[in-house]
Amino acid sequence: MKPTPYLAIAGLVGTLMLPTSAIAHAASPTRAIPAHSSFAPSHADSGTDAVAAISEQDRMFLMTVHQGNLAEIKAGRLALQKGRCEVVNRIAHVFIEDHSRIDNDVQSLADKFDVRLPDAPDAQARKQLAELAALSGREFDAAWLRMRAAGVREAIKLGRQQLRHGRSPEVKALAAAAVPVVMRHLKLLNEAERHC
């Protein structure tokens, strides 16, 4: 079996500590998912079979990732309005683009598996967004970077849990496809600390 880019990236970053066998299994049930393109699930299964093919873990993953994406997109837009550090503005653009793309993939799978997604970030994220909105200048930039780093740590934890305990190959493949995105976000945030 030819190694995928996801294995190389996960192997380079010890922070993730994802089992490579889980990534390899999840990333290649039928096809590799390029990080730059949208994941388009197959609709060959009947509706009943598709719904039965996912576990409660898969459902919770899709719902939680969707809420996280909504929060990151809102936080990115807030940074474009209030951020003073040029690097924060650049990262905000990347976060908005990446989380929008991932969320399109999440919504496609949620539609396929009849998972009803929440329409807003969770209560904790809404509270953080309100706290950010009250800040300005360097104080805003520092808090934004700190909160985004916490979000990346949560994404790592969530992805690890899905790869270990999820049932659906398609949902696990989505989690594996997010690995390089999370790694890029982590790298951008680490670099931003030196500039902001």
C-alpha atoms as a PDB file:
ATOM      1  CA  MET A   1       0.000   0.000   0.000  1.00  0.00           C
ATOM      2  CA  LYS A   2       1.431   3.368  -1.050  1.00  0.00           C
ATOM      3  CA  PRO A   3       1.778   5.838   1.871  1.00  0.00           C
ATOM      4  CA  THR A   4      -0.502   8.862   1.740  1.00  0.00           C
ATOM      5  CA  PRO A   5       0.471  12.479   2.446  1.00  0.00           C
ATOM      6  CA  TYR A   6      -1.633  12.281   5.613  1.00  0.00           C
ATOM      7  CA  LEU A   7       0.735   9.659   7.038  1.00  0.00           C
ATOM      8  CA  ALA A   8       3.768  11.784   6.301  1.00  0.00           C
ATOM      9  CA  ILE A   9       2.264  14.875   7.923  1.00  0.00           C
ATOM     10  CA  ALA A  10       0.952  13.022  10.966  1.00  0.00           C
ATOM     11  CA  GLY A  11       4.319  11.308  11.371  1.00  0.00           C
ATOM     12  CA  LEU A  12       6.176  14.624  11.340  1.00  0.00           C
ATOM     13  CA  VAL A  13       4.058  16.211  14.043  1.00  0.00           C
ATOM     14  CA  GLY A  14       4.236  14.367  17.341  1.00  0.00           C
ATOM     15  CA  THR A  15       1.568  16.629  18.826  1.00  0.00           C
ATOM     16  CA  LEU A  16      -1.199  14.814  17.037  1.00  0.00           C
ATOM     17  CA  MET A  17      -0.162  11.333  18.178  1.00  0.00           C
ATOM     18  CA  LEU A  18      -2.719   9.748  15.858  1.00  0.00           C
ATOM     19  CA  PRO A  19      -2.203   6.041  15.267  1.00  0.00           C
ATOM     20  CA  THR A  20      -0.882   5.772  11.706  1.00  0.00           C
ATOM     21  CA  SER A  21      -2.787   2.555  11.106  1.00  0.00           C
ATOM     22  CA  ALA A  22      -6.045   4.376  11.869  1.00  0.00           C
ATOM     23  CA  ILE A  23      -5.123   7.217   9.521  1.00  0.00           C
ATOM     24  CA  ALA A  24      -4.134   4.808   6.754  1.00  0.00           C
ATOM     25  CA  HIS A  25      -7.361   2.850   7.173  1.00  0.00           C
ATOM     26  CA  ALA A  26      -9.544   5.950   7.321  1.00  0.00           C
ATOM     27  CA  ALA A  27      -7.812   7.800   4.508  1.00  0.00           C
ATOM     28  CA  SER A  28      -8.094   5.009   1.998  1.00  0.00           C
ATOM     29  CA  PRO A  29     -11.438   3.202   2.208  1.00  0.00           C
ATOM     30  CA  THR A  30     -12.004   3.847  -1.502  1.00  0.00           C
ATOM     31  CA  ARG A  31      -9.922   6.885  -2.485  1.00  0.00           C
ATOM     32  CA  ALA A  32      -7.507   9.413  -1.071  1.00  0.00           C
ATOM     33  CA  ILE A  33      -8.997  12.838  -0.431  1.00  0.00           C
ATOM     34  CA  PRO A  34      -6.846  15.725  -1.648  1.00  0.00           C
ATOM     35  CA  ALA A  35      -6.621  18.495   0.958  1.00  0.00           C
ATOM     36  CA  HIS A  36      -7.409  21.133  -1.670  1.00  0.00           C
ATOM     37  CA  SER A  37     -10.665  19.639  -2.933  1.00  0.00           C
ATOM     38  CA  SER A  38     -14.081  19.028  -1.491  1.00  0.00           C
ATOM     39  CA  PHE A  39     -14.934  15.569  -0.198  1.00  0.00           C
ATOM     40  CA  ALA A  40     -17.863  14.342  -2.249  1.00  0.00           C
ATOM     41  CA  PRO A  41     -19.454  11.279  -0.670  1.00  0.00           C
ATOM     42  CA  SER A  42     -20.994   8.600  -2.816  1.00  0.00           C
ATOM     43  CA  HIS A  43     -24.787   8.517  -2.812  1.00  0.00           C
ATOM     44  CA  ALA A  44     -24.986   4.910  -4.024  1.00  0.00           C
ATOM     45  CA  ASP A  45     -26.303   3.568  -0.693  1.00  0.00           C
ATOM     46  CA  SER A  46     -29.996   3.598   0.005  1.00  0.00           C
ATOM     47  CA  GLY A  47     -31.069   6.118   2.650  1.00  0.00           C
ATOM     48  CA  THR A  48     -31.777   3.467   5.291  1.00  0.00           C
ATOM     49  CA  ASP A  49     -28.466   1.673   4.722  1.00  0.00           C
ATOM     50  CA  ALA A  50     -26.525   4.949   4.879  1.00  0.00           C
ATOM     51  CA  VAL A  51     -28.118   6.010   8.172  1.00  0.00           C
ATOM     52  CA  ALA A  52     -27.476   2.568   9.679  1.00  0.00           C
ATOM     53  CA  ALA A  53     -23.813   2.740   8.600  1.00  0.00           C
ATOM     54  CA  ILE A  54     -22.874   5.396  11.144  1.00  0.00           C
ATOM     55  CA  SER A  55     -22.538   5.254  14.888  1.00  0.00           C
ATOM     56  CA  GLU A  56     -23.382   7.773  17.600  1.00  0.00           C
ATOM     57  CA  GLN A  57     -19.658   8.680  17.605  1.00  0.00           C
ATOM     58  CA  ASP A  58     -19.864   9.503  13.870  1.00  0.00           C
ATOM     59  CA  ARG A  59     -22.971  11.647  14.438  1.00  0.00           C
ATOM     60  CA  MET A  60     -21.405  13.542  17.338  1.00  0.00           C
ATOM     61  CA  PHE A  61     -18.230  14.103  15.318  1.00  0.00           C
ATOM     62  CA  LEU A  62     -20.167  15.660  12.427  1.00  0.00           C
ATOM     63  CA  MET A  63     -22.200  17.861  14.770  1.00  0.00           C
ATOM     64  CA  THR A  64     -19.206  18.988  16.836  1.00  0.00           C
ATOM     65  CA  VAL A  65     -17.012  19.679  13.809  1.00  0.00           C
ATOM     66  CA  HIS A  66     -19.818  21.693  12.222  1.00  0.00           C
ATOM     67  CA  GLN A  67     -20.194  23.836  15.358  1.00  0.00           C
ATOM     68  CA  GLY A  68     -16.417  24.263  15.512  1.00  0.00           C
ATOM     69  CA  ASN A  69     -16.327  25.334  11.864  1.00  0.00           C
ATOM     70  CA  LEU A  70     -19.078  27.896  12.456  1.00  0.00           C
ATOM     71  CA  ALA A  71     -17.135  29.299  15.426  1.00  0.00           C
ATOM     72  CA  GLU A  72     -13.840  29.468  13.512  1.00  0.00           C
ATOM     73  CA  ILE A  73     -15.479  31.202  10.546  1.00  0.00           C
ATOM     74  CA  LYS A  74     -17.089  33.787  12.847  1.00  0.00           C
ATOM     75  CA  ALA A  75     -13.805  34.273  14.705  1.00  0.00           C
ATOM     76  CA  GLY A  76     -12.005  34.732  11.399  1.00  0.00           C
ATOM     77  CA  ARG A  77     -14.463  37.395  10.285  1.00  0.00           C
ATOM     78  CA  LEU A  78     -14.097  39.126  13.635  1.00  0.00           C
ATOM     79  CA  ALA A  79     -10.303  39.145  13.212  1.00  0.00           C
ATOM     80  CA  LEU A  80     -10.646  40.754   9.784  1.00  0.00           C
ATOM     81  CA  GLN A  81     -12.632  43.556  11.417  1.00  0.00           C
ATOM     82  CA  LYS A  82     -10.684  44.014  14.655  1.00  0.00           C
ATOM     83  CA  GLY A  83      -7.237  42.469  14.214  1.00  0.00           C
ATOM     84  CA  ARG A  84      -4.303  44.878  14.148  1.00  0.00           C
ATOM     85  CA  CYS A  85      -1.453  42.453  13.504  1.00  0.00           C
ATOM     86  CA  GLU A  86      -1.024  41.721   9.796  1.00  0.00           C
ATOM     87  CA  VAL A  87      -0.298  38.057  10.531  1.00  0.00           C
ATOM     88  CA  VAL A  88      -3.604  37.683  12.409  1.00  0.00           C
ATOM     89  CA  ASN A  89      -5.420  39.021   9.342  1.00  0.00           C
ATOM     90  CA  ARG A  90      -3.611  36.580   7.047  1.00  0.00           C
ATOM     91  CA  ILE A  91      -4.386  33.638   9.323  1.00  0.00           C
ATOM     92  CA  ALA A  92      -8.016  34.739   9.577  1.00  0.00           C
ATOM     93  CA  HIS A  93      -8.353  34.487   5.783  1.00  0.00           C
ATOM     94  CA  VAL A  94      -6.870  30.973   5.849  1.00  0.00           C
ATOM     95  CA  PHE A  95      -9.144  29.861   8.695  1.00  0.00           C
ATOM     96  CA  ILE A  96     -12.280  31.191   6.968  1.00  0.00           C
ATOM     97  CA  GLU A  97     -11.402  29.451   3.701  1.00  0.00           C
ATOM     98  CA  ASP A  98     -10.350  26.132   5.255  1.00  0.00           C
ATOM     99  CA  HIS A  99     -13.224  25.873   7.733  1.00  0.00           C
ATOM    100  CA  SER A 100     -15.756  26.818   5.048  1.00  0.00           C
ATOM    101  CA  ARG A 101     -14.435  24.046   2.786  1.00  0.00           C
ATOM    102  CA  ILE A 102     -14.406  21.479   5.591  1.00  0.00           C
ATOM    103  CA  ASP A 103     -17.900  22.496   6.626  1.00  0.00           C
ATOM    104  CA  ASN A 104     -19.196  21.910   3.095  1.00  0.00           C
ATOM    105  CA  ASP A 105     -17.829  18.372   3.386  1.00  0.00           C
ATOM    106  CA  VAL A 106     -19.401  17.919   6.821  1.00  0.00           C
ATOM    107  CA  GLN A 107     -22.775  19.109   5.515  1.00  0.00           C
ATOM    108  CA  SER A 108     -22.599  16.706   2.560  1.00  0.00           C
ATOM    109  CA  LEU A 109     -22.040  13.758   4.878  1.00  0.00           C
ATOM    110  CA  ALA A 110     -24.644  14.981   7.346  1.00  0.00           C
ATOM    111  CA  ASP A 111     -27.191  15.123   4.503  1.00  0.00           C
ATOM    112  CA  LYS A 112     -26.242  11.637   3.367  1.00  0.00           C
ATOM    113  CA  PHE A 113     -26.506  10.161   6.870  1.00  0.00           C
ATOM    114  CA  ASP A 114     -29.561  12.202   7.899  1.00  0.00           C
ATOM    115  CA  VAL A 115     -27.724  13.999  10.712  1.00  0.00           C
ATOM    116  CA  ARG A 116     -29.354  17.258  11.734  1.00  0.00           C
ATOM    117  CA  LEU A 117     -26.623  19.822  12.310  1.00  0.00           C
ATOM    118  CA  PRO A 118     -26.857  22.673  14.857  1.00  0.00           C
ATOM    119  CA  ASP A 119     -27.248  26.124  13.329  1.00  0.00           C
ATOM    120  CA  ALA A 120     -24.842  27.965  15.663  1.00  0.00           C
ATOM    121  CA  PRO A 121     -21.581  27.448  17.547  1.00  0.00           C
ATOM    122  CA  ASP A 122     -21.892  25.877  20.998  1.00  0.00           C
ATOM    123  CA  ALA A 123     -22.437  28.020  24.119  1.00  0.00           C
ATOM    124  CA  GLN A 124     -18.749  28.111  25.075  1.00  0.00           C
ATOM    125  CA  ALA A 125     -17.723  29.292  21.599  1.00  0.00           C
ATOM    126  CA  ARG A 126     -20.451  31.957  21.598  1.00  0.00           C
ATOM    127  CA  LYS A 127     -19.157  33.215  24.951  1.00  0.00           C
ATOM    128  CA  GLN A 128     -15.573  33.353  23.626  1.00  0.00           C
ATOM    129  CA  LEU A 129     -16.703  35.200  20.504  1.00  0.00           C
ATOM    130  CA  ALA A 130     -18.490  37.778  22.680  1.00  0.00           C
ATOM    131  CA  GLU A 131     -15.346  38.195  24.809  1.00  0.00           C
ATOM    132  CA  LEU A 132     -13.266  38.706  21.656  1.00  0.00           C
ATOM    133  CA  ALA A 133     -15.711  41.257  20.276  1.00  0.00           C
ATOM    134  CA  ALA A 134     -15.220  43.359  23.416  1.00  0.00           C
ATOM    135  CA  LEU A 135     -11.446  43.574  22.890  1.00  0.00           C
ATOM    136  CA  SER A 136      -9.356  45.703  20.558  1.00  0.00           C
ATOM    137  CA  GLY A 137      -5.782  46.263  19.389  1.00  0.00           C
ATOM    138  CA  ARG A 138      -2.964  44.044  20.627  1.00  0.00           C
ATOM    139  CA  GLU A 139      -5.215  42.674  23.364  1.00  0.00           C
ATOM    140  CA  PHE A 140      -7.598  41.377  20.691  1.00  0.00           C
ATOM    141  CA  ASP A 141      -4.781  39.835  18.640  1.00  0.00           C
ATOM    142  CA  ALA A 142      -3.285  38.024  21.646  1.00  0.00           C
ATOM    143  CA  ALA A 143      -6.664  36.672  22.792  1.00  0.00           C
ATOM    144  CA  TRP A 144      -7.597  35.644  19.241  1.00  0.00           C
ATOM    145  CA  LEU A 145      -4.372  33.681  18.795  1.00  0.00           C
ATOM    146  CA  ARG A 146      -4.745  32.051  22.224  1.00  0.00           C
ATOM    147  CA  MET A 147      -8.348  31.002  21.530  1.00  0.00           C
ATOM    148  CA  ARG A 148      -7.508  29.686  18.050  1.00  0.00           C
ATOM    149  CA  ALA A 149      -4.676  27.579  19.528  1.00  0.00           C
ATOM    150  CA  ALA A 150      -7.152  26.120  22.023  1.00  0.00           C
ATOM    151  CA  GLY A 151      -9.473  25.349  19.103  1.00  0.00           C
ATOM    152  CA  VAL A 152      -6.689  23.518  17.271  1.00  0.00           C
ATOM    153  CA  ARG A 153      -6.002  21.418  20.383  1.00  0.00           C
ATOM    154  CA  GLU A 154      -9.707  20.518  20.542  1.00  0.00           C
ATOM    155  CA  ALA A 155      -9.676  19.609  16.835  1.00  0.00           C
ATOM    156  CA  ILE A 156      -6.711  17.302  17.412  1.00  0.00           C
ATOM    157  CA  LYS A 157      -8.507  15.612  20.297  1.00  0.00           C
ATOM    158  CA  LEU A 158     -11.742  15.295  18.315  1.00  0.00           C
ATOM    159  CA  GLY A 159      -9.988  13.893  15.239  1.00  0.00           C
ATOM    160  CA  ARG A 160      -8.051  11.366  17.317  1.00  0.00           C
ATOM    161  CA  GLN A 161     -11.270  10.176  18.949  1.00  0.00           C
ATOM    162  CA  GLN A 162     -13.052   9.829  15.596  1.00  0.00           C
ATOM    163  CA  LEU A 163     -10.210   7.880  13.998  1.00  0.00           C
ATOM    164  CA  ARG A 164     -10.081   5.488  16.945  1.00  0.00           C
ATOM    165  CA  HIS A 165     -13.788   5.024  17.646  1.00  0.00           C
ATOM    166  CA  GLY A 166     -15.757   6.040  14.540  1.00  0.00           C
ATOM    167  CA  ARG A 167     -17.537   3.418  12.454  1.00  0.00           C
ATOM    168  CA  SER A 168     -18.202   5.086   9.093  1.00  0.00           C
ATOM    169  CA  PRO A 169     -15.253   4.896   6.667  1.00  0.00           C
ATOM    170  CA  GLU A 170     -16.461   8.123   5.037  1.00  0.00           C
ATOM    171  CA  VAL A 171     -16.635  10.062   8.303  1.00  0.00           C
ATOM    172  CA  LYS A 172     -13.240   8.672   9.335  1.00  0.00           C
ATOM    173  CA  ALA A 173     -11.843   9.673   5.934  1.00  0.00           C
ATOM    174  CA  LEU A 174     -13.123  13.201   6.533  1.00  0.00           C
ATOM    175  CA  ALA A 175     -11.316  13.247   9.892  1.00  0.00           C
ATOM    176  CA  ALA A 176      -8.113  12.014   8.240  1.00  0.00           C
ATOM    177  CA  ALA A 177      -8.409  14.593   5.453  1.00  0.00           C
ATOM    178  CA  ALA A 178      -8.504  17.336   8.106  1.00  0.00           C
ATOM    179  CA  VAL A 179      -5.098  16.285   9.507  1.00  0.00           C
ATOM    180  CA  PRO A 180      -2.997  18.409   7.100  1.00  0.00           C
ATOM    181  CA  VAL A 181      -5.347  21.365   7.588  1.00  0.00           C
ATOM    182  CA  VAL A 182      -5.002  21.197  11.380  1.00  0.00           C
ATOM    183  CA  MET A 183      -1.215  20.865  11.045  1.00  0.00           C
ATOM    184  CA  ARG A 184      -1.051  23.944   8.831  1.00  0.00           C
ATOM    185  CA  HIS A 185      -3.179  25.918  11.285  1.00  0.00           C
ATOM    186  CA  LEU A 186      -0.954  24.857  14.170  1.00  0.00           C
ATOM    187  CA  LYS A 187       2.149  25.960  12.264  1.00  0.00           C
ATOM    188  CA  LEU A 188       0.600  29.333  11.360  1.00  0.00           C
ATOM    189  CA  LEU A 189      -0.410  30.002  14.964  1.00  0.00           C
ATOM    190  CA  ASN A 190       3.042  29.079  16.284  1.00  0.00           C
ATOM    191  CA  GLU A 191       4.684  31.418  13.775  1.00  0.00           C
ATOM    192  CA  ALA A 192       2.232  34.221  14.593  1.00  0.00           C
ATOM    193  CA  GLU A 193       3.324  34.282  18.231  1.00  0.00           C
ATOM    194  CA  ARG A 194       6.712  35.615  17.099  1.00  0.00           C
ATOM    195  CA  HIS A 195       5.153  38.426  15.030  1.00  0.00           C
ATOM    196  CA  CYS A 196       2.185  39.556  17.105  1.00  0.00           C
END
